[in-house]
Amino acid sequence: MKAHFEMFAAYNAWANRRLCDAAAGMEDAARKAPAGAFFGSLHNTLNHLLVADRIWMNRFNGEGETHQRLDEFPFAEFGALRTAREAMDGRIVRFVAGLSDDDLARTFTYVRVTSPEPVTQALAPALAHVFNHQTHHRGQCHQMLTAAGREAPPLDLLFWQREAA
C-alpha cells in the first residue's frame, strides 16, 4: 500500500501543478467568475482543495494550519494560493514517504467539520479519500477551464505515469 500512496502523492502534485499552470493563464476576474460549480468559481474550488488538504493533514499528524469550514477561501490572490498549494503538495509527498505499513493500518480519531461527533478510522482509507477528493474537484476545475475557453491539460494518471517513466 505504501508504494500505491507514494504514487498517488506524486501524481497529485503533478496534476495540481498542471491545473495551476492552466489557471495562471486566465485573467483574475475569469478565474473568480461564477462557473456553476459547488464552490462557485475556479478560484474558490482551488481554495477548497487546499482547505480540505489542510484539514486532513492536521487530522493525520496534528500539524499545520486547519480550517473550521469547508467553504473558507483563505487566498484571494492566485499567486499566494498557488504557492500554498505547492507547499501542501510537498508536505503530502513527505508525509506519505514517512509512513510505514503499520502507520497505514493505524486508526486515528477526529471531529468532522460538519458535525461534532468523533470519528475513528484507519489511516489508509482516509488517505485514499484525500486523493479521490482531489481528483473529484480537479475534474470540476478542468470543466471550468474548458467552459471558459481555456485549454485544460490532460490530468489522467496514465499521462503522469508515462511522463514519470
N, C-alpha and C. Protein backbone atom coordinates (compact mmCIF):
# COMPACT_ATOMS: atom_id res chain seq x y z
N MET A 1 0.81 -1.20 0.00
CA MET A 1 0.00 0.00 0.00
C MET A 1 0.86 1.27 0.00
N LYS A 2 2.00 1.21 0.66
CA LYS A 2 2.81 2.42 0.73
C LYS A 2 3.21 2.89 -0.66
N ALA A 3 3.65 1.97 -1.52
CA ALA A 3 4.05 2.35 -2.88
C ALA A 3 2.85 2.94 -3.64
N HIS A 4 1.68 2.40 -3.42
CA HIS A 4 0.47 2.91 -4.04
C HIS A 4 0.22 4.36 -3.63
N PHE A 5 0.33 4.64 -2.35
CA PHE A 5 0.10 6.01 -1.87
C PHE A 5 1.23 6.95 -2.29
N GLU A 6 2.45 6.46 -2.36
CA GLU A 6 3.54 7.30 -2.86
C GLU A 6 3.29 7.70 -4.32
N MET A 7 2.78 6.74 -5.11
CA MET A 7 2.44 7.05 -6.49
C MET A 7 1.37 8.14 -6.54
N PHE A 8 0.34 8.01 -5.72
CA PHE A 8 -0.73 9.00 -5.75
C PHE A 8 -0.29 10.36 -5.23
N ALA A 9 0.61 10.38 -4.27
CA ALA A 9 1.11 11.66 -3.77
C ALA A 9 1.89 12.39 -4.87
N ALA A 10 2.73 11.65 -5.59
CA ALA A 10 3.50 12.26 -6.68
C ALA A 10 2.57 12.69 -7.82
N TYR A 11 1.62 11.83 -8.18
CA TYR A 11 0.66 12.17 -9.22
C TYR A 11 -0.16 13.39 -8.84
N ASN A 12 -0.60 13.44 -7.59
CA ASN A 12 -1.41 14.54 -7.09
C ASN A 12 -0.67 15.87 -7.26
N ALA A 13 0.60 15.90 -6.89
CA ALA A 13 1.41 17.13 -7.02
C ALA A 13 1.53 17.52 -8.49
N TRP A 14 1.77 16.54 -9.36
CA TRP A 14 1.89 16.80 -10.80
C TRP A 14 0.60 17.37 -11.36
N ALA A 15 -0.54 16.73 -11.04
CA ALA A 15 -1.83 17.17 -11.56
C ALA A 15 -2.18 18.57 -11.06
N ASN A 16 -1.92 18.84 -9.79
CA ASN A 16 -2.19 20.18 -9.25
C ASN A 16 -1.32 21.23 -9.92
N ARG A 17 -0.08 20.90 -10.18
CA ARG A 17 0.83 21.84 -10.85
C ARG A 17 0.31 22.15 -12.27
N ARG A 18 -0.11 21.12 -13.00
CA ARG A 18 -0.63 21.33 -14.36
C ARG A 18 -1.91 22.17 -14.33
N LEU A 19 -2.77 21.89 -13.36
CA LEU A 19 -4.01 22.65 -13.26
C LEU A 19 -3.72 24.11 -12.92
N CYS A 20 -2.81 24.34 -12.00
CA CYS A 20 -2.44 25.73 -11.65
C CYS A 20 -1.78 26.44 -12.82
N ASP A 21 -0.97 25.72 -13.61
CA ASP A 21 -0.37 26.32 -14.80
C ASP A 21 -1.46 26.82 -15.74
N ALA A 22 -2.49 26.01 -15.94
CA ALA A 22 -3.58 26.40 -16.84
C ALA A 22 -4.36 27.58 -16.26
N ALA A 23 -4.63 27.54 -14.96
CA ALA A 23 -5.40 28.61 -14.32
C ALA A 23 -4.61 29.92 -14.30
N ALA A 24 -3.29 29.83 -14.22
CA ALA A 24 -2.45 31.04 -14.17
C ALA A 24 -2.57 31.87 -15.43
N GLY A 25 -2.93 31.24 -16.54
CA GLY A 25 -3.06 31.97 -17.79
C GLY A 25 -4.36 32.74 -17.94
N MET A 26 -5.23 32.65 -16.96
CA MET A 26 -6.52 33.33 -17.02
C MET A 26 -6.45 34.68 -16.34
N GLU A 27 -7.31 35.57 -16.76
CA GLU A 27 -7.50 36.83 -16.04
C GLU A 27 -8.09 36.50 -14.67
N ASP A 28 -7.73 37.29 -13.68
CA ASP A 28 -8.22 37.07 -12.33
C ASP A 28 -9.75 37.06 -12.27
N ALA A 29 -10.38 37.97 -12.98
CA ALA A 29 -11.85 38.04 -12.97
C ALA A 29 -12.46 36.78 -13.55
N ALA A 30 -11.85 36.20 -14.58
CA ALA A 30 -12.36 34.97 -15.17
C ALA A 30 -12.18 33.79 -14.22
N ARG A 31 -11.06 33.75 -13.51
CA ARG A 31 -10.80 32.68 -12.55
C ARG A 31 -11.80 32.75 -11.39
N LYS A 32 -12.24 33.95 -11.06
CA LYS A 32 -13.15 34.15 -9.92
C LYS A 32 -14.62 34.25 -10.33
N ALA A 33 -14.89 34.17 -11.62
CA ALA A 33 -16.27 34.30 -12.10
C ALA A 33 -17.10 33.07 -11.71
N PRO A 34 -18.36 33.27 -11.34
CA PRO A 34 -19.24 32.12 -11.05
C PRO A 34 -19.27 31.17 -12.24
N ALA A 35 -19.09 29.89 -11.96
CA ALA A 35 -19.00 28.89 -13.04
C ALA A 35 -19.94 27.72 -12.82
N GLY A 36 -20.87 27.85 -11.88
CA GLY A 36 -21.84 26.80 -11.66
C GLY A 36 -21.32 25.61 -10.86
N ALA A 37 -20.13 25.71 -10.33
CA ALA A 37 -19.56 24.61 -9.54
C ALA A 37 -20.03 24.73 -8.09
N PHE A 38 -19.83 23.67 -7.33
CA PHE A 38 -20.30 23.65 -5.94
C PHE A 38 -19.72 24.81 -5.14
N PHE A 39 -18.47 25.14 -5.36
CA PHE A 39 -17.84 26.26 -4.64
C PHE A 39 -17.81 27.53 -5.48
N GLY A 40 -18.58 27.55 -6.54
CA GLY A 40 -18.78 28.76 -7.33
C GLY A 40 -17.83 28.91 -8.48
N SER A 41 -16.61 29.27 -8.20
CA SER A 41 -15.64 29.61 -9.24
C SER A 41 -14.46 28.65 -9.23
N LEU A 42 -13.66 28.76 -10.27
CA LEU A 42 -12.42 28.00 -10.32
C LEU A 42 -11.53 28.38 -9.15
N HIS A 43 -11.40 29.66 -8.89
CA HIS A 43 -10.55 30.13 -7.79
C HIS A 43 -11.02 29.56 -6.44
N ASN A 44 -12.32 29.62 -6.20
CA ASN A 44 -12.85 29.10 -4.93
C ASN A 44 -12.68 27.60 -4.83
N THR A 45 -12.82 26.89 -5.94
CA THR A 45 -12.64 25.43 -5.90
C THR A 45 -11.20 25.08 -5.60
N LEU A 46 -10.26 25.82 -6.16
CA LEU A 46 -8.85 25.60 -5.84
C LEU A 46 -8.57 25.90 -4.37
N ASN A 47 -9.20 26.94 -3.84
CA ASN A 47 -9.09 27.23 -2.40
C ASN A 47 -9.65 26.07 -1.58
N HIS A 48 -10.81 25.55 -1.98
CA HIS A 48 -11.42 24.45 -1.23
C HIS A 48 -10.50 23.23 -1.18
N LEU A 49 -9.87 22.91 -2.30
CA LEU A 49 -8.95 21.77 -2.31
C LEU A 49 -7.83 21.95 -1.29
N LEU A 50 -7.30 23.15 -1.22
CA LEU A 50 -6.24 23.42 -0.25
C LEU A 50 -6.78 23.35 1.18
N VAL A 51 -7.94 23.94 1.42
CA VAL A 51 -8.54 23.92 2.75
C VAL A 51 -8.78 22.48 3.21
N ALA A 52 -9.34 21.66 2.33
CA ALA A 52 -9.61 20.26 2.69
C ALA A 52 -8.31 19.52 3.00
N ASP A 53 -7.28 19.75 2.21
CA ASP A 53 -5.99 19.09 2.47
C ASP A 53 -5.40 19.55 3.80
N ARG A 54 -5.53 20.82 4.11
CA ARG A 54 -5.03 21.31 5.40
C ARG A 54 -5.78 20.64 6.55
N ILE A 55 -7.07 20.51 6.43
CA ILE A 55 -7.87 19.87 7.47
C ILE A 55 -7.42 18.42 7.65
N TRP A 56 -7.31 17.68 6.54
CA TRP A 56 -6.94 16.27 6.63
C TRP A 56 -5.51 16.09 7.15
N MET A 57 -4.59 16.88 6.67
CA MET A 57 -3.21 16.72 7.15
C MET A 57 -3.10 17.03 8.63
N ASN A 58 -3.86 18.01 9.09
CA ASN A 58 -3.87 18.31 10.53
C ASN A 58 -4.46 17.14 11.31
N ARG A 59 -5.48 16.52 10.78
CA ARG A 59 -6.06 15.34 11.43
C ARG A 59 -5.05 14.20 11.48
N PHE A 60 -4.31 14.03 10.40
CA PHE A 60 -3.36 12.91 10.32
C PHE A 60 -2.21 13.04 11.30
N ASN A 61 -1.68 14.27 11.45
CA ASN A 61 -0.48 14.38 12.29
C ASN A 61 -0.50 15.55 13.26
N GLY A 62 -1.61 16.27 13.35
CA GLY A 62 -1.72 17.36 14.31
C GLY A 62 -0.88 18.57 13.97
N GLU A 63 -0.38 18.65 12.74
CA GLU A 63 0.50 19.76 12.36
C GLU A 63 -0.13 20.62 11.28
N GLY A 64 0.32 21.86 11.21
CA GLY A 64 -0.08 22.76 10.14
C GLY A 64 -1.41 23.44 10.38
N GLU A 65 -1.72 24.32 9.45
CA GLU A 65 -2.96 25.08 9.54
C GLU A 65 -4.16 24.17 9.31
N THR A 66 -5.28 24.58 9.88
CA THR A 66 -6.53 23.88 9.64
C THR A 66 -7.63 24.92 9.51
N HIS A 67 -8.82 24.48 9.22
CA HIS A 67 -9.94 25.39 9.00
C HIS A 67 -11.18 24.83 9.69
N GLN A 68 -12.14 25.70 9.94
CA GLN A 68 -13.37 25.32 10.62
C GLN A 68 -14.53 25.08 9.67
N ARG A 69 -14.34 25.50 8.40
CA ARG A 69 -15.39 25.33 7.40
C ARG A 69 -14.76 24.90 6.08
N LEU A 70 -15.50 24.12 5.32
CA LEU A 70 -15.01 23.67 4.03
C LEU A 70 -15.11 24.74 2.96
N ASP A 71 -15.88 25.78 3.22
CA ASP A 71 -16.04 26.86 2.24
C ASP A 71 -15.27 28.11 2.63
N GLU A 72 -14.20 27.94 3.38
CA GLU A 72 -13.30 29.06 3.64
C GLU A 72 -12.43 29.26 2.40
N PHE A 73 -12.18 30.50 2.08
CA PHE A 73 -11.36 30.83 0.93
C PHE A 73 -10.23 31.73 1.40
N PRO A 74 -9.16 31.13 1.95
CA PRO A 74 -8.11 31.92 2.60
C PRO A 74 -7.24 32.74 1.65
N PHE A 75 -7.28 32.45 0.36
CA PHE A 75 -6.39 33.16 -0.56
C PHE A 75 -7.18 33.86 -1.64
N ALA A 76 -7.21 35.18 -1.57
CA ALA A 76 -7.88 35.99 -2.59
C ALA A 76 -6.97 36.16 -3.81
N GLU A 77 -5.66 36.09 -3.60
CA GLU A 77 -4.70 36.32 -4.66
C GLU A 77 -4.19 34.97 -5.17
N PHE A 78 -4.25 34.75 -6.48
CA PHE A 78 -3.91 33.45 -7.07
C PHE A 78 -2.46 33.06 -6.82
N GLY A 79 -1.54 34.00 -6.90
CA GLY A 79 -0.13 33.66 -6.68
C GLY A 79 0.11 33.07 -5.29
N ALA A 80 -0.52 33.66 -4.29
CA ALA A 80 -0.38 33.14 -2.92
C ALA A 80 -1.05 31.77 -2.78
N LEU A 81 -2.20 31.61 -3.43
CA LEU A 81 -2.88 30.31 -3.41
C LEU A 81 -2.01 29.24 -4.06
N ARG A 82 -1.43 29.57 -5.19
CA ARG A 82 -0.58 28.61 -5.89
C ARG A 82 0.65 28.23 -5.04
N THR A 83 1.26 29.22 -4.40
CA THR A 83 2.41 28.94 -3.54
C THR A 83 2.02 28.02 -2.39
N ALA A 84 0.87 28.28 -1.78
CA ALA A 84 0.38 27.44 -0.68
C ALA A 84 0.06 26.03 -1.18
N ARG A 85 -0.48 25.93 -2.39
CA ARG A 85 -0.80 24.62 -2.98
C ARG A 85 0.47 23.81 -3.18
N GLU A 86 1.50 24.45 -3.73
CA GLU A 86 2.76 23.76 -3.96
C GLU A 86 3.38 23.29 -2.64
N ALA A 87 3.30 24.13 -1.63
CA ALA A 87 3.83 23.75 -0.31
C ALA A 87 3.05 22.57 0.26
N MET A 88 1.73 22.59 0.11
CA MET A 88 0.92 21.49 0.61
C MET A 88 1.23 20.21 -0.14
N ASP A 89 1.38 20.28 -1.44
CA ASP A 89 1.69 19.07 -2.19
C ASP A 89 3.03 18.48 -1.75
N GLY A 90 4.01 19.33 -1.50
CA GLY A 90 5.28 18.84 -0.97
C GLY A 90 5.11 18.21 0.39
N ARG A 91 4.28 18.81 1.21
CA ARG A 91 4.02 18.27 2.54
C ARG A 91 3.35 16.90 2.45
N ILE A 92 2.41 16.74 1.54
CA ILE A 92 1.74 15.45 1.37
C ILE A 92 2.73 14.40 0.91
N VAL A 93 3.57 14.74 -0.06
CA VAL A 93 4.59 13.79 -0.56
C VAL A 93 5.50 13.35 0.59
N ARG A 94 5.96 14.30 1.39
CA ARG A 94 6.86 13.96 2.52
C ARG A 94 6.13 13.13 3.57
N PHE A 95 4.88 13.47 3.85
CA PHE A 95 4.10 12.71 4.83
C PHE A 95 3.96 11.25 4.40
N VAL A 96 3.58 11.04 3.17
CA VAL A 96 3.38 9.68 2.67
C VAL A 96 4.71 8.93 2.66
N ALA A 97 5.79 9.60 2.25
CA ALA A 97 7.11 8.95 2.23
C ALA A 97 7.53 8.48 3.62
N GLY A 98 7.09 9.18 4.65
CA GLY A 98 7.47 8.83 6.01
C GLY A 98 6.59 7.76 6.66
N LEU A 99 5.57 7.29 5.95
CA LEU A 99 4.67 6.29 6.53
C LEU A 99 5.22 4.89 6.38
N SER A 100 4.90 4.06 7.35
CA SER A 100 5.20 2.63 7.27
C SER A 100 3.88 1.89 7.05
N ASP A 101 3.97 0.60 6.77
CA ASP A 101 2.74 -0.19 6.64
C ASP A 101 1.95 -0.18 7.94
N ASP A 102 2.66 -0.19 9.07
CA ASP A 102 1.97 -0.11 10.37
C ASP A 102 1.25 1.22 10.52
N ASP A 103 1.86 2.30 10.05
CA ASP A 103 1.21 3.60 10.10
C ASP A 103 -0.09 3.60 9.30
N LEU A 104 -0.04 3.02 8.12
CA LEU A 104 -1.22 2.99 7.25
C LEU A 104 -2.37 2.19 7.88
N ALA A 105 -2.03 1.23 8.72
CA ALA A 105 -3.06 0.41 9.36
C ALA A 105 -3.59 1.03 10.65
N ARG A 106 -2.89 2.03 11.18
CA ARG A 106 -3.32 2.61 12.45
C ARG A 106 -4.62 3.37 12.29
N THR A 107 -5.30 3.53 13.41
CA THR A 107 -6.51 4.34 13.41
C THR A 107 -6.21 5.70 14.04
N PHE A 108 -7.05 6.64 13.73
CA PHE A 108 -6.96 7.96 14.33
C PHE A 108 -8.39 8.46 14.53
N THR A 109 -8.54 9.40 15.43
CA THR A 109 -9.86 9.94 15.75
C THR A 109 -9.85 11.44 15.50
N TYR A 110 -10.92 11.92 14.92
CA TYR A 110 -11.05 13.35 14.64
C TYR A 110 -12.51 13.75 14.74
N VAL A 111 -12.74 15.03 14.74
CA VAL A 111 -14.10 15.58 14.73
C VAL A 111 -14.31 16.21 13.36
N ARG A 112 -15.39 15.83 12.73
CA ARG A 112 -15.69 16.36 11.40
C ARG A 112 -15.98 17.86 11.47
N VAL A 113 -15.76 18.53 10.38
CA VAL A 113 -16.05 19.96 10.28
C VAL A 113 -17.56 20.19 10.31
N THR A 114 -18.32 19.25 9.75
CA THR A 114 -19.75 19.44 9.58
C THR A 114 -20.61 18.90 10.71
N SER A 115 -20.01 18.17 11.67
CA SER A 115 -20.77 17.67 12.82
C SER A 115 -19.83 17.37 13.97
N PRO A 116 -20.33 17.45 15.20
CA PRO A 116 -19.43 17.33 16.36
C PRO A 116 -19.09 15.90 16.78
N GLU A 117 -19.68 14.88 16.15
CA GLU A 117 -19.42 13.51 16.59
C GLU A 117 -18.01 13.08 16.18
N PRO A 118 -17.27 12.49 17.13
CA PRO A 118 -15.94 12.00 16.79
C PRO A 118 -16.03 10.79 15.85
N VAL A 119 -15.05 10.69 14.97
CA VAL A 119 -14.96 9.59 14.01
C VAL A 119 -13.61 8.93 14.20
N THR A 120 -13.59 7.60 14.24
CA THR A 120 -12.35 6.85 14.31
C THR A 120 -12.28 5.97 13.07
N GLN A 121 -11.16 6.04 12.36
CA GLN A 121 -10.99 5.22 11.17
C GLN A 121 -9.52 4.96 10.93
N ALA A 122 -9.26 4.00 10.06
CA ALA A 122 -7.89 3.68 9.69
C ALA A 122 -7.34 4.77 8.78
N LEU A 123 -6.03 4.96 8.85
CA LEU A 123 -5.39 6.00 8.05
C LEU A 123 -5.48 5.71 6.55
N ALA A 124 -5.24 4.47 6.12
CA ALA A 124 -5.19 4.18 4.69
C ALA A 124 -6.47 4.59 3.95
N PRO A 125 -7.67 4.22 4.43
CA PRO A 125 -8.86 4.66 3.70
C PRO A 125 -9.05 6.18 3.71
N ALA A 126 -8.66 6.82 4.79
CA ALA A 126 -8.77 8.28 4.85
C ALA A 126 -7.82 8.93 3.85
N LEU A 127 -6.62 8.40 3.73
CA LEU A 127 -5.65 8.92 2.78
C LEU A 127 -6.15 8.69 1.35
N ALA A 128 -6.75 7.53 1.10
CA ALA A 128 -7.34 7.26 -0.22
C ALA A 128 -8.42 8.30 -0.53
N HIS A 129 -9.21 8.66 0.49
CA HIS A 129 -10.24 9.68 0.30
C HIS A 129 -9.61 11.02 -0.10
N VAL A 130 -8.52 11.40 0.53
CA VAL A 130 -7.87 12.68 0.22
C VAL A 130 -7.52 12.74 -1.27
N PHE A 131 -6.92 11.67 -1.79
CA PHE A 131 -6.54 11.67 -3.20
C PHE A 131 -7.76 11.61 -4.11
N ASN A 132 -8.78 10.86 -3.72
CA ASN A 132 -10.00 10.79 -4.50
C ASN A 132 -10.71 12.15 -4.52
N HIS A 133 -10.73 12.82 -3.39
CA HIS A 133 -11.34 14.14 -3.28
C HIS A 133 -10.65 15.13 -4.21
N GLN A 134 -9.34 15.07 -4.24
CA GLN A 134 -8.57 15.94 -5.14
C GLN A 134 -8.99 15.70 -6.59
N THR A 135 -9.07 14.43 -6.97
CA THR A 135 -9.42 14.09 -8.35
C THR A 135 -10.83 14.58 -8.69
N HIS A 136 -11.75 14.41 -7.77
CA HIS A 136 -13.13 14.87 -7.98
C HIS A 136 -13.18 16.36 -8.29
N HIS A 137 -12.56 17.16 -7.45
CA HIS A 137 -12.63 18.62 -7.66
C HIS A 137 -11.73 19.09 -8.80
N ARG A 138 -10.63 18.39 -9.06
CA ARG A 138 -9.83 18.76 -10.23
C ARG A 138 -10.64 18.56 -11.51
N GLY A 139 -11.51 17.54 -11.52
CA GLY A 139 -12.39 17.34 -12.67
C GLY A 139 -13.31 18.53 -12.86
N GLN A 140 -13.83 19.07 -11.75
CA GLN A 140 -14.66 20.27 -11.86
C GLN A 140 -13.84 21.44 -12.40
N CYS A 141 -12.62 21.59 -11.91
CA CYS A 141 -11.75 22.68 -12.38
C CYS A 141 -11.46 22.52 -13.87
N HIS A 142 -11.23 21.31 -14.29
CA HIS A 142 -10.96 21.01 -15.70
C HIS A 142 -12.14 21.47 -16.56
N GLN A 143 -13.34 21.16 -16.10
CA GLN A 143 -14.54 21.56 -16.84
C GLN A 143 -14.68 23.08 -16.86
N MET A 144 -14.38 23.74 -15.74
CA MET A 144 -14.49 25.20 -15.69
C MET A 144 -13.49 25.85 -16.65
N LEU A 145 -12.29 25.29 -16.74
CA LEU A 145 -11.31 25.81 -17.70
C LEU A 145 -11.84 25.67 -19.12
N THR A 146 -12.37 24.50 -19.44
CA THR A 146 -12.91 24.25 -20.78
C THR A 146 -14.06 25.20 -21.09
N ALA A 147 -14.98 25.36 -20.14
CA ALA A 147 -16.14 26.24 -20.34
C ALA A 147 -15.71 27.69 -20.52
N ALA A 148 -14.59 28.06 -19.94
CA ALA A 148 -14.08 29.43 -20.07
C ALA A 148 -13.26 29.61 -21.35
N GLY A 149 -13.21 28.56 -22.18
CA GLY A 149 -12.47 28.66 -23.44
C GLY A 149 -10.97 28.47 -23.30
N ARG A 150 -10.54 27.97 -22.16
CA ARG A 150 -9.11 27.73 -21.91
C ARG A 150 -8.77 26.30 -22.28
N GLU A 151 -7.52 26.06 -22.59
CA GLU A 151 -7.08 24.69 -22.83
C GLU A 151 -6.85 24.02 -21.48
N ALA A 152 -7.59 22.97 -21.24
CA ALA A 152 -7.45 22.23 -19.99
C ALA A 152 -6.47 21.07 -20.22
N PRO A 153 -5.45 20.97 -19.39
CA PRO A 153 -4.42 19.95 -19.63
C PRO A 153 -4.91 18.55 -19.30
N PRO A 154 -4.39 17.54 -19.98
CA PRO A 154 -4.70 16.17 -19.59
C PRO A 154 -4.21 15.94 -18.15
N LEU A 155 -5.06 15.34 -17.34
CA LEU A 155 -4.72 15.08 -15.94
C LEU A 155 -4.81 13.60 -15.59
N ASP A 156 -5.02 12.76 -16.58
CA ASP A 156 -5.15 11.33 -16.32
C ASP A 156 -3.89 10.76 -15.68
N LEU A 157 -4.09 9.83 -14.78
CA LEU A 157 -2.99 9.15 -14.12
C LEU A 157 -2.02 8.55 -15.14
N LEU A 158 -2.55 8.00 -16.24
CA LEU A 158 -1.69 7.40 -17.26
C LEU A 158 -0.74 8.41 -17.89
N PHE A 159 -1.17 9.65 -18.05
CA PHE A 159 -0.28 10.68 -18.59
C PHE A 159 0.88 10.91 -17.63
N TRP A 160 0.58 10.99 -16.34
CA TRP A 160 1.65 11.16 -15.36
C TRP A 160 2.59 9.96 -15.36
N GLN A 161 2.01 8.75 -15.41
CA GLN A 161 2.84 7.54 -15.40
C GLN A 161 3.78 7.52 -16.59
N ARG A 162 3.29 7.91 -17.75
CA ARG A 162 4.14 7.92 -18.95
C ARG A 162 5.23 8.97 -18.82
N GLU A 163 4.88 10.14 -18.28
CA GLU A 163 5.89 11.19 -18.06
C GLU A 163 6.92 10.75 -17.03
N ALA A 164 6.45 10.14 -15.95
CA ALA A 164 7.35 9.73 -14.86
C ALA A 164 8.29 8.62 -15.31
N ALA A 165 7.83 7.80 -16.26
CA ALA A 165 8.67 6.70 -16.75
C ALA A 165 9.79 7.26 -17.61
